[in-house]
Amino acid sequence: MDFDWPGRTCLDTMDNTIVKKLGAWPLRFYIVQGGKLVHKASPTHNYTYSVDELRTHLNACVQHVQG
């Protein structure tokens, strides 16, 4: 499936390597750019996320990559 996304999407392994290293439970969104963590979306008290905040950070990364 092609989403025309200019970056890589990474998923955790079945042995939960990311959960163990980054505390990615129950659900987290990380944006890594140039080998650095530039955004870590944290859930609210009811386990929801600000989609607008995540979208803003992703759009900024896309613009940076596209120059």
C-alpha atoms as a PDB file:
ATOM      1  CA  MET A   1       0.000   0.000   0.000  1.00  0.00           C
ATOM      2  CA  ASP A   2       1.495   3.357  -1.043  1.00  0.00           C
ATOM      3  CA  PHE A   3       0.550   6.390   1.055  1.00  0.00           C
ATOM      4  CA  ASP A   4       2.963   8.702  -0.802  1.00  0.00           C
ATOM      5  CA  TRP A   5       4.753   9.429   2.482  1.00  0.00           C
ATOM      6  CA  PRO A   6       8.273  10.833   2.015  1.00  0.00           C
ATOM      7  CA  GLY A   7       9.641   9.271   5.198  1.00  0.00           C
ATOM      8  CA  ARG A   8       9.982   5.877   6.828  1.00  0.00           C
ATOM      9  CA  THR A   9       7.353   4.376   9.088  1.00  0.00           C
ATOM     10  CA  CYS A  10       8.672   2.011  11.747  1.00  0.00           C
ATOM     11  CA  LEU A  11       6.726  -0.477  13.810  1.00  0.00           C
ATOM     12  CA  ASP A  12       7.701  -2.360  16.922  1.00  0.00           C
ATOM     13  CA  THR A  13       8.802  -5.978  16.770  1.00  0.00           C
ATOM     14  CA  MET A  14       6.866  -8.825  18.332  1.00  0.00           C
ATOM     15  CA  ASP A  15       9.366  -8.902  21.215  1.00  0.00           C
ATOM     16  CA  ASN A  16       8.425  -5.263  22.053  1.00  0.00           C
ATOM     17  CA  THR A  17      11.889  -3.767  21.680  1.00  0.00           C
ATOM     18  CA  ILE A  18      10.494  -0.223  21.294  1.00  0.00           C
ATOM     19  CA  VAL A  19       8.146  -0.606  24.258  1.00  0.00           C
ATOM     20  CA  LYS A  20      11.065  -1.701  26.419  1.00  0.00           C
ATOM     21  CA  LYS A  21      13.441   1.055  25.260  1.00  0.00           C
ATOM     22  CA  LEU A  22      11.075   4.009  24.873  1.00  0.00           C
ATOM     23  CA  GLY A  23       8.081   3.204  27.047  1.00  0.00           C
ATOM     24  CA  ALA A  24       5.770   3.176  24.050  1.00  0.00           C
ATOM     25  CA  TRP A  25       2.804   1.621  25.839  1.00  0.00           C
ATOM     26  CA  PRO A  26      -0.132   1.744  25.268  1.00  0.00           C
ATOM     27  CA  LEU A  27       0.290   3.780  22.124  1.00  0.00           C
ATOM     28  CA  ARG A  28       2.819   6.462  21.215  1.00  0.00           C
ATOM     29  CA  PHE A  29       3.761   8.384  18.141  1.00  0.00           C
ATOM     30  CA  TYR A  30       7.411   9.353  17.760  1.00  0.00           C
ATOM     31  CA  ILE A  31       8.884  11.546  15.054  1.00  0.00           C
ATOM     32  CA  VAL A  32      12.580  10.956  14.454  1.00  0.00           C
ATOM     33  CA  GLN A  33      14.388  13.260  12.082  1.00  0.00           C
ATOM     34  CA  GLY A  34      18.083  13.091  11.274  1.00  0.00           C
ATOM     35  CA  GLY A  35      18.561  10.417  13.920  1.00  0.00           C
ATOM     36  CA  LYS A  36      17.087  12.650  16.651  1.00  0.00           C
ATOM     37  CA  LEU A  37      13.780  12.376  18.437  1.00  0.00           C
ATOM     38  CA  VAL A  38      12.018  15.620  17.504  1.00  0.00           C
ATOM     39  CA  HIS A  39       8.516  14.899  18.809  1.00  0.00           C
ATOM     40  CA  LYS A  40       6.925  12.421  21.196  1.00  0.00           C
ATOM     41  CA  ALA A  41       3.156  12.547  21.241  1.00  0.00           C
ATOM     42  CA  SER A  42       1.894  11.645  24.693  1.00  0.00           C
ATOM     43  CA  PRO A  43      -1.659  10.574  25.376  1.00  0.00           C
ATOM     44  CA  THR A  44      -4.033  12.595  27.505  1.00  0.00           C
ATOM     45  CA  HIS A  45      -5.541  11.168  30.679  1.00  0.00           C
ATOM     46  CA  ASN A  46      -8.109   9.263  28.574  1.00  0.00           C
ATOM     47  CA  TYR A  47      -5.540   7.822  26.113  1.00  0.00           C
ATOM     48  CA  THR A  48      -6.319  10.124  23.206  1.00  0.00           C
ATOM     49  CA  TYR A  49      -3.958  12.288  21.162  1.00  0.00           C
ATOM     50  CA  SER A  50      -4.081  15.702  19.618  1.00  0.00           C
ATOM     51  CA  VAL A  51      -4.206  14.807  15.940  1.00  0.00           C
ATOM     52  CA  ASP A  52      -3.726  18.475  15.041  1.00  0.00           C
ATOM     53  CA  GLU A  53      -0.482  18.652  17.046  1.00  0.00           C
ATOM     54  CA  LEU A  54       0.821  15.467  15.439  1.00  0.00           C
ATOM     55  CA  ARG A  55      -0.172  16.709  11.977  1.00  0.00           C
ATOM     56  CA  THR A  56       1.630  20.024  12.578  1.00  0.00           C
ATOM     57  CA  HIS A  57       4.862  18.241  13.526  1.00  0.00           C
ATOM     58  CA  LEU A  58       4.621  15.800  10.619  1.00  0.00           C
ATOM     59  CA  ASN A  59       3.975  18.612   8.131  1.00  0.00           C
ATOM     60  CA  ALA A  60       7.009  20.495   9.454  1.00  0.00           C
ATOM     61  CA  CYS A  61       9.159  17.384   8.957  1.00  0.00           C
ATOM     62  CA  VAL A  62       7.860  16.892   5.410  1.00  0.00           C
ATOM     63  CA  GLN A  63       8.603  20.520   4.543  1.00  0.00           C
ATOM     64  CA  HIS A  64      12.106  20.155   5.989  1.00  0.00           C
ATOM     65  CA  VAL A  65      12.759  17.007   3.917  1.00  0.00           C
ATOM     66  CA  GLN A  66      11.363  18.541   0.736  1.00  0.00           C
ATOM     67  CA  GLY A  67      13.407  21.713   1.297  1.00  0.00           C
END
